[in-house]
């Protein structure tokens, strides 16, 4: 009984901070909320990315041990940037993209934020659980205000650029789409590397200051991306308003993708469902 209660406490401590952020990000999706099955799949992809990252980090660590760096600071910087941050963000991105890039539900730029945050926090939940098994509730409390906001922020940066990449792909601009897909890996990797590296500098205030600034900026990006959400493939100049928001639960027929055209002379907006096949929602 005691062991079971302790296990539940550890699972809760590992998961609750991440779940709070997941719910917040999900509720900011104003246009069309994503299906639960897809979101659960992304959390599981986050778990899987953590497993792949462990193997990559072990291999990378062995390689970096053979490289002669000029100083310990230099060694730490490159190790945390390449071995740790790039490994983790790369596998998050690859598995998220595999699950969502061609998915019919990926029809708005804000969807990219939802997908990346769910994947990133799936990673964080598993990572948190492993750390808490070793360090207990104290570790859970520390990571609740450091690692969880950190991974959420990395996911937000990844998702913003991922959504923009999908928007350009929908407009047949593959060059711009590729550029933003690269940014979707590069930016979270850079921030993640700085985050990890800052833990080695011996300054708690520098570390906390970086986390707070990054977290606040990331959540500002959530609000901006949500407020300016763009339908993939929409005609430039169209606007999303409260009147045009459609959720599948509120529609008479399943709605997975909408195009909002510019206002006509009488001020009305035409909403067109262009799903051509069956639903996988």
Protein backbone atom coordinates (compact mmCIF):
# COMPACT_ATOMS: atom_id res chain seq x y z
CA UNK A 1 0.00 0.00 0.00
CA UNK A 2 2.77 2.41 0.97
CA UNK A 3 4.76 1.52 -2.14
CA UNK A 4 1.68 2.06 -4.31
CA UNK A 5 0.97 5.45 -2.72
CA UNK A 6 4.58 6.51 -3.18
CA UNK A 7 4.50 5.44 -6.82
CA UNK A 8 1.37 7.53 -7.40
CA UNK A 9 2.98 10.53 -5.71
CA UNK A 10 6.06 10.21 -7.90
CA UNK A 11 3.99 9.87 -11.07
CA UNK A 12 1.89 12.86 -10.07
CA UNK A 13 4.94 14.95 -9.22
CA UNK A 14 6.48 14.08 -12.58
CA UNK A 15 3.32 14.77 -14.59
CA UNK A 16 1.19 17.51 -13.00
CA UNK A 17 3.32 20.56 -13.87
CA UNK A 18 3.50 19.40 -17.49
CA UNK A 19 -0.23 18.61 -17.63
CA UNK A 20 -1.06 22.12 -16.45
CA UNK A 21 0.92 23.63 -19.34
CA UNK A 22 -0.51 21.12 -21.84
CA UNK A 23 -4.07 22.10 -20.90
CA UNK A 24 -3.21 25.79 -21.16
CA UNK A 25 -1.67 25.43 -24.62
CA UNK A 26 -4.56 23.24 -25.79
CA UNK A 27 -7.18 25.76 -24.65
CA UNK A 28 -5.44 28.59 -26.50
CA UNK A 29 -6.25 26.84 -29.79
CA UNK A 30 -9.03 29.18 -30.92
CA UNK A 31 -9.66 27.88 -34.40
CA UNK A 32 -10.05 24.11 -34.26
CA UNK A 33 -8.84 21.98 -31.38
CA UNK A 34 -6.86 18.86 -32.10
CA UNK A 35 -8.22 15.33 -31.60
CA UNK A 36 -7.32 13.58 -28.36
CA UNK A 37 -5.94 10.52 -30.11
CA UNK A 38 -3.39 12.57 -32.01
CA UNK A 39 -2.34 14.45 -28.87
CA UNK A 40 -1.89 11.22 -26.93
CA UNK A 41 0.21 9.88 -29.81
CA UNK A 42 2.43 12.98 -29.59
CA UNK A 43 2.97 12.50 -25.85
CA UNK A 44 4.01 8.92 -26.58
CA UNK A 45 6.32 10.21 -29.32
CA UNK A 46 7.84 12.43 -26.64
CA UNK A 47 8.45 9.35 -24.48
CA UNK A 48 10.07 7.60 -27.44
CA UNK A 49 12.24 10.59 -28.28
CA UNK A 50 13.63 10.49 -24.74
CA UNK A 51 14.68 6.87 -25.25
CA UNK A 52 16.39 7.65 -28.56
CA UNK A 53 18.08 10.71 -27.05
CA UNK A 54 19.62 8.65 -24.25
CA UNK A 55 21.35 6.41 -26.79
CA UNK A 56 22.50 9.39 -28.85
CA UNK A 57 23.85 11.18 -25.78
CA UNK A 58 25.78 8.14 -24.63
CA UNK A 59 27.41 7.79 -28.04
CA UNK A 60 28.04 11.52 -28.35
CA UNK A 61 29.53 11.65 -24.87
CA UNK A 62 32.08 8.96 -25.76
CA UNK A 63 33.06 10.87 -28.90
CA UNK A 64 33.39 14.20 -27.09
CA UNK A 65 35.66 12.64 -24.46
CA UNK A 66 38.27 12.19 -27.20
CA UNK A 67 38.18 15.83 -28.36
CA UNK A 68 40.81 18.11 -26.78
CA UNK A 69 39.10 21.36 -25.78
CA UNK A 70 40.98 24.48 -24.68
CA UNK A 71 39.06 24.75 -21.40
CA UNK A 72 36.40 23.04 -19.33
CA UNK A 73 33.97 25.89 -20.08
CA UNK A 74 34.41 25.37 -23.82
CA UNK A 75 34.01 21.62 -23.44
CA UNK A 76 30.82 22.05 -21.40
CA UNK A 77 29.32 24.51 -23.88
CA UNK A 78 29.76 22.27 -26.90
CA UNK A 79 28.81 19.12 -25.02
CA UNK A 80 25.51 20.56 -23.80
CA UNK A 81 24.76 22.19 -27.15
CA UNK A 82 25.60 19.28 -29.47
CA UNK A 83 25.48 16.10 -27.39
CA UNK A 84 22.52 16.95 -25.16
CA UNK A 85 20.41 19.73 -26.69
CA UNK A 86 20.69 18.74 -30.36
CA UNK A 87 20.07 15.05 -29.57
CA UNK A 88 16.92 15.77 -27.59
CA UNK A 89 15.41 18.47 -29.84
CA UNK A 90 16.25 16.57 -33.03
CA UNK A 91 14.45 13.41 -31.95
CA UNK A 92 11.48 15.40 -30.63
CA UNK A 93 11.21 17.15 -33.99
CA UNK A 94 11.66 14.07 -36.17
CA UNK A 95 9.02 12.03 -34.32
CA UNK A 96 6.60 14.97 -34.13
CA UNK A 97 7.00 15.61 -37.86
CA UNK A 98 6.46 11.94 -38.68
CA UNK A 99 3.17 11.99 -36.74
CA UNK A 100 1.82 15.33 -37.95
CA UNK A 101 3.31 16.79 -41.14
CA UNK A 102 0.97 14.94 -43.50
CA UNK A 103 -1.87 14.63 -40.99
CA UNK A 104 -5.10 16.20 -42.24
CA UNK A 105 -5.61 17.82 -38.82
CA UNK A 106 -2.54 20.02 -39.32
CA UNK A 107 -4.50 22.88 -40.85
CA UNK A 108 -3.57 25.97 -38.80
CA UNK A 109 -0.26 27.54 -37.82
CA UNK A 110 -1.04 27.34 -34.09
CA UNK A 111 -1.38 23.56 -34.45
CA UNK A 112 2.40 23.49 -34.73
CA UNK A 113 2.67 24.93 -31.22
CA UNK A 114 0.24 22.35 -29.84
CA UNK A 115 2.08 19.46 -31.49
CA UNK A 116 5.55 20.57 -30.40
CA UNK A 117 4.54 21.31 -26.80
CA UNK A 118 2.76 17.97 -26.39
CA UNK A 119 5.80 16.15 -27.80
CA UNK A 120 8.25 18.16 -25.73
CA UNK A 121 6.34 17.71 -22.49
CA UNK A 122 5.88 14.01 -23.20
CA UNK A 123 9.67 13.91 -23.24
CA UNK A 124 9.81 15.96 -20.04
CA UNK A 125 7.31 13.75 -18.19
CA UNK A 126 9.36 10.60 -18.79
CA UNK A 127 12.62 12.41 -18.02
CA UNK A 128 11.09 13.86 -14.84
CA UNK A 129 9.88 10.46 -13.71
CA UNK A 130 13.36 8.96 -14.09
CA UNK A 131 14.96 11.82 -12.17
CA UNK A 132 12.35 11.68 -9.40
CA UNK A 133 12.81 7.94 -8.88
CA UNK A 134 16.41 8.73 -8.02
CA UNK A 135 15.95 12.07 -6.22
CA UNK A 136 12.45 11.97 -4.74
CA UNK A 137 9.93 14.77 -4.17
CA UNK A 138 12.64 17.41 -3.66
CA UNK A 139 13.83 16.79 -7.20
CA UNK A 140 10.22 16.99 -8.41
CA UNK A 141 9.79 20.44 -6.87
CA UNK A 142 13.03 21.74 -8.37
CA UNK A 143 12.27 20.39 -11.82
CA UNK A 144 8.71 21.73 -11.69
CA UNK A 145 10.10 25.28 -11.84
CA UNK A 146 13.11 24.59 -14.06
CA UNK A 147 12.98 21.59 -16.41
CA UNK A 148 9.23 21.64 -17.09
CA UNK A 149 9.10 25.36 -18.05
CA UNK A 150 12.33 24.81 -19.96
CA UNK A 151 11.01 21.96 -22.10
CA UNK A 152 7.71 23.80 -22.58
CA UNK A 153 9.58 26.85 -23.86
CA UNK A 154 11.72 24.76 -26.22
CA UNK A 155 8.52 23.21 -27.55
CA UNK A 156 6.86 26.61 -28.05
CA UNK A 157 9.79 27.92 -30.09
CA UNK A 158 9.86 24.72 -32.11
CA UNK A 159 6.11 24.81 -32.69
CA UNK A 160 5.93 28.44 -33.80
CA UNK A 161 8.48 27.86 -36.55
CA UNK A 162 7.00 24.45 -37.40
CA UNK A 163 3.58 26.00 -37.92
CA UNK A 164 5.03 28.75 -40.13
CA UNK A 165 6.86 26.08 -42.16
CA UNK A 166 3.59 24.26 -42.74
CA UNK A 167 1.92 27.51 -43.79
CA UNK A 168 4.54 28.09 -46.49
CA UNK A 169 4.33 24.48 -47.59
CA UNK A 170 0.59 25.01 -48.04
CA UNK A 171 1.39 27.98 -50.29
CA UNK A 172 3.82 25.88 -52.37
CA UNK A 173 6.85 27.84 -51.14
CA UNK A 174 9.14 24.93 -50.33
CA UNK A 175 12.23 27.13 -49.84
CA UNK A 176 10.60 29.16 -47.07
CA UNK A 177 9.10 26.01 -45.58
CA UNK A 178 12.53 24.35 -45.38
CA UNK A 179 14.04 27.48 -43.82
CA UNK A 180 11.46 27.51 -41.01
CA UNK A 181 11.76 23.75 -40.49
CA UNK A 182 15.48 24.28 -39.91
CA UNK A 183 14.66 27.08 -37.44
CA UNK A 184 12.22 24.71 -35.70
CA UNK A 185 15.23 22.58 -34.72
CA UNK A 186 17.93 25.26 -34.47
CA UNK A 187 16.19 27.69 -32.08
CA UNK A 188 15.11 25.18 -29.40
CA UNK A 189 18.52 23.50 -29.66
CA UNK A 190 20.29 26.81 -29.06
CA UNK A 191 18.05 27.73 -26.12
CA UNK A 192 18.31 24.24 -24.67
CA UNK A 193 22.10 24.31 -24.95
CA UNK A 194 22.30 27.69 -23.20
CA UNK A 195 19.88 26.46 -20.51
CA UNK A 196 22.01 23.39 -19.74
CA UNK A 197 25.30 25.27 -20.02
CA UNK A 198 24.12 27.95 -17.59
CA UNK A 199 23.79 25.30 -14.87
CA UNK A 200 27.58 24.86 -14.96
CA UNK A 201 28.47 28.53 -14.43
CA UNK A 202 27.84 28.54 -10.68
CA UNK A 203 25.34 31.42 -10.72
CA UNK A 204 21.84 30.51 -9.55
CA UNK A 205 20.49 33.97 -10.40
CA UNK A 206 21.84 33.79 -13.94
CA UNK A 207 20.23 30.38 -14.40
CA UNK A 208 16.86 31.44 -12.95
CA UNK A 209 16.94 34.74 -14.84
CA UNK A 210 17.43 32.93 -18.12
CA UNK A 211 14.57 30.49 -17.40
CA UNK A 212 12.16 33.26 -16.40
CA UNK A 213 12.99 35.45 -19.40
CA UNK A 214 12.71 32.53 -21.83
CA UNK A 215 9.47 31.28 -20.28
CA UNK A 216 7.80 34.71 -20.36
CA UNK A 217 8.87 35.32 -23.96
CA UNK A 218 7.69 31.86 -24.99
CA UNK A 219 4.27 32.38 -23.45
CA UNK A 220 4.01 35.76 -25.15
CA UNK A 221 4.61 33.86 -28.39
CA UNK A 222 1.70 31.55 -27.52
CA UNK A 223 -0.66 34.52 -27.21
CA UNK A 224 0.57 36.15 -30.42
CA UNK A 225 0.44 32.91 -32.43
CA UNK A 226 -3.01 32.05 -31.07
CA UNK A 227 -4.42 35.53 -31.75
CA UNK A 228 -2.98 35.60 -35.28
CA UNK A 229 -3.66 31.97 -36.09
CA UNK A 230 -3.58 31.36 -39.84
CA UNK A 231 -5.44 28.71 -41.78
CA UNK A 232 -3.05 26.62 -43.87
CA UNK A 233 -3.64 27.57 -47.49
CA UNK A 234 -5.88 30.53 -46.75
CA UNK A 235 -5.89 33.53 -49.05
CA UNK A 236 -3.55 36.23 -47.68
CA UNK A 237 -5.55 39.00 -46.01
CA UNK A 238 -8.25 36.74 -44.59
CA UNK A 239 -8.92 37.08 -40.87
CA UNK A 240 -10.03 34.63 -38.22
CA UNK A 241 -12.77 36.06 -36.03
CA UNK A 242 -14.88 34.68 -33.22
CA UNK A 243 -17.72 34.20 -35.71
CA UNK A 244 -15.62 31.94 -37.93
CA UNK A 245 -14.26 29.62 -35.25
CA UNK A 246 -15.43 26.07 -35.86
CA UNK A 247 -14.99 23.09 -33.56
CA UNK A 248 -15.89 19.62 -34.73
CA UNK A 249 -18.02 19.07 -31.61
CA UNK A 250 -20.16 22.09 -32.56
CA UNK A 251 -20.55 21.26 -36.27
CA UNK A 252 -23.27 19.19 -37.90
CA UNK A 253 -20.63 17.42 -40.00
CA UNK A 254 -16.97 16.73 -39.21
CA UNK A 255 -14.79 19.73 -39.94
CA UNK A 256 -11.06 19.26 -40.25
CA UNK A 257 -9.88 22.09 -42.44
CA UNK A 258 -11.44 25.39 -43.37
CA UNK A 259 -10.60 28.21 -45.70
CA UNK A 260 -11.65 31.70 -44.69
CA UNK A 261 -11.92 34.00 -47.65
CA UNK A 262 -11.66 37.79 -47.45
CA UNK A 263 -14.82 39.66 -46.54
CA UNK A 264 -17.27 40.26 -49.36
CA UNK A 265 -18.93 43.61 -50.05
CA UNK A 266 -21.77 42.91 -47.64
CA UNK A 267 -19.32 42.07 -44.88
CA UNK A 268 -20.14 38.34 -44.75
CA UNK A 269 -17.43 35.71 -44.61
CA UNK A 270 -17.73 32.42 -46.45
CA UNK A 271 -16.47 29.33 -44.67
CA UNK A 272 -15.65 26.33 -46.88
CA UNK A 273 -14.93 22.84 -45.69
CA UNK A 274 -12.44 21.31 -48.09
CA UNK A 275 -11.88 17.91 -46.59
CA UNK A 276 -11.89 15.53 -49.51
CA UNK A 277 -11.64 12.19 -47.79
CA UNK A 278 -12.75 10.41 -44.68
CA UNK A 279 -11.97 11.59 -41.17
CA UNK A 280 -9.15 10.27 -39.02
CA UNK A 281 -10.13 12.43 -36.07
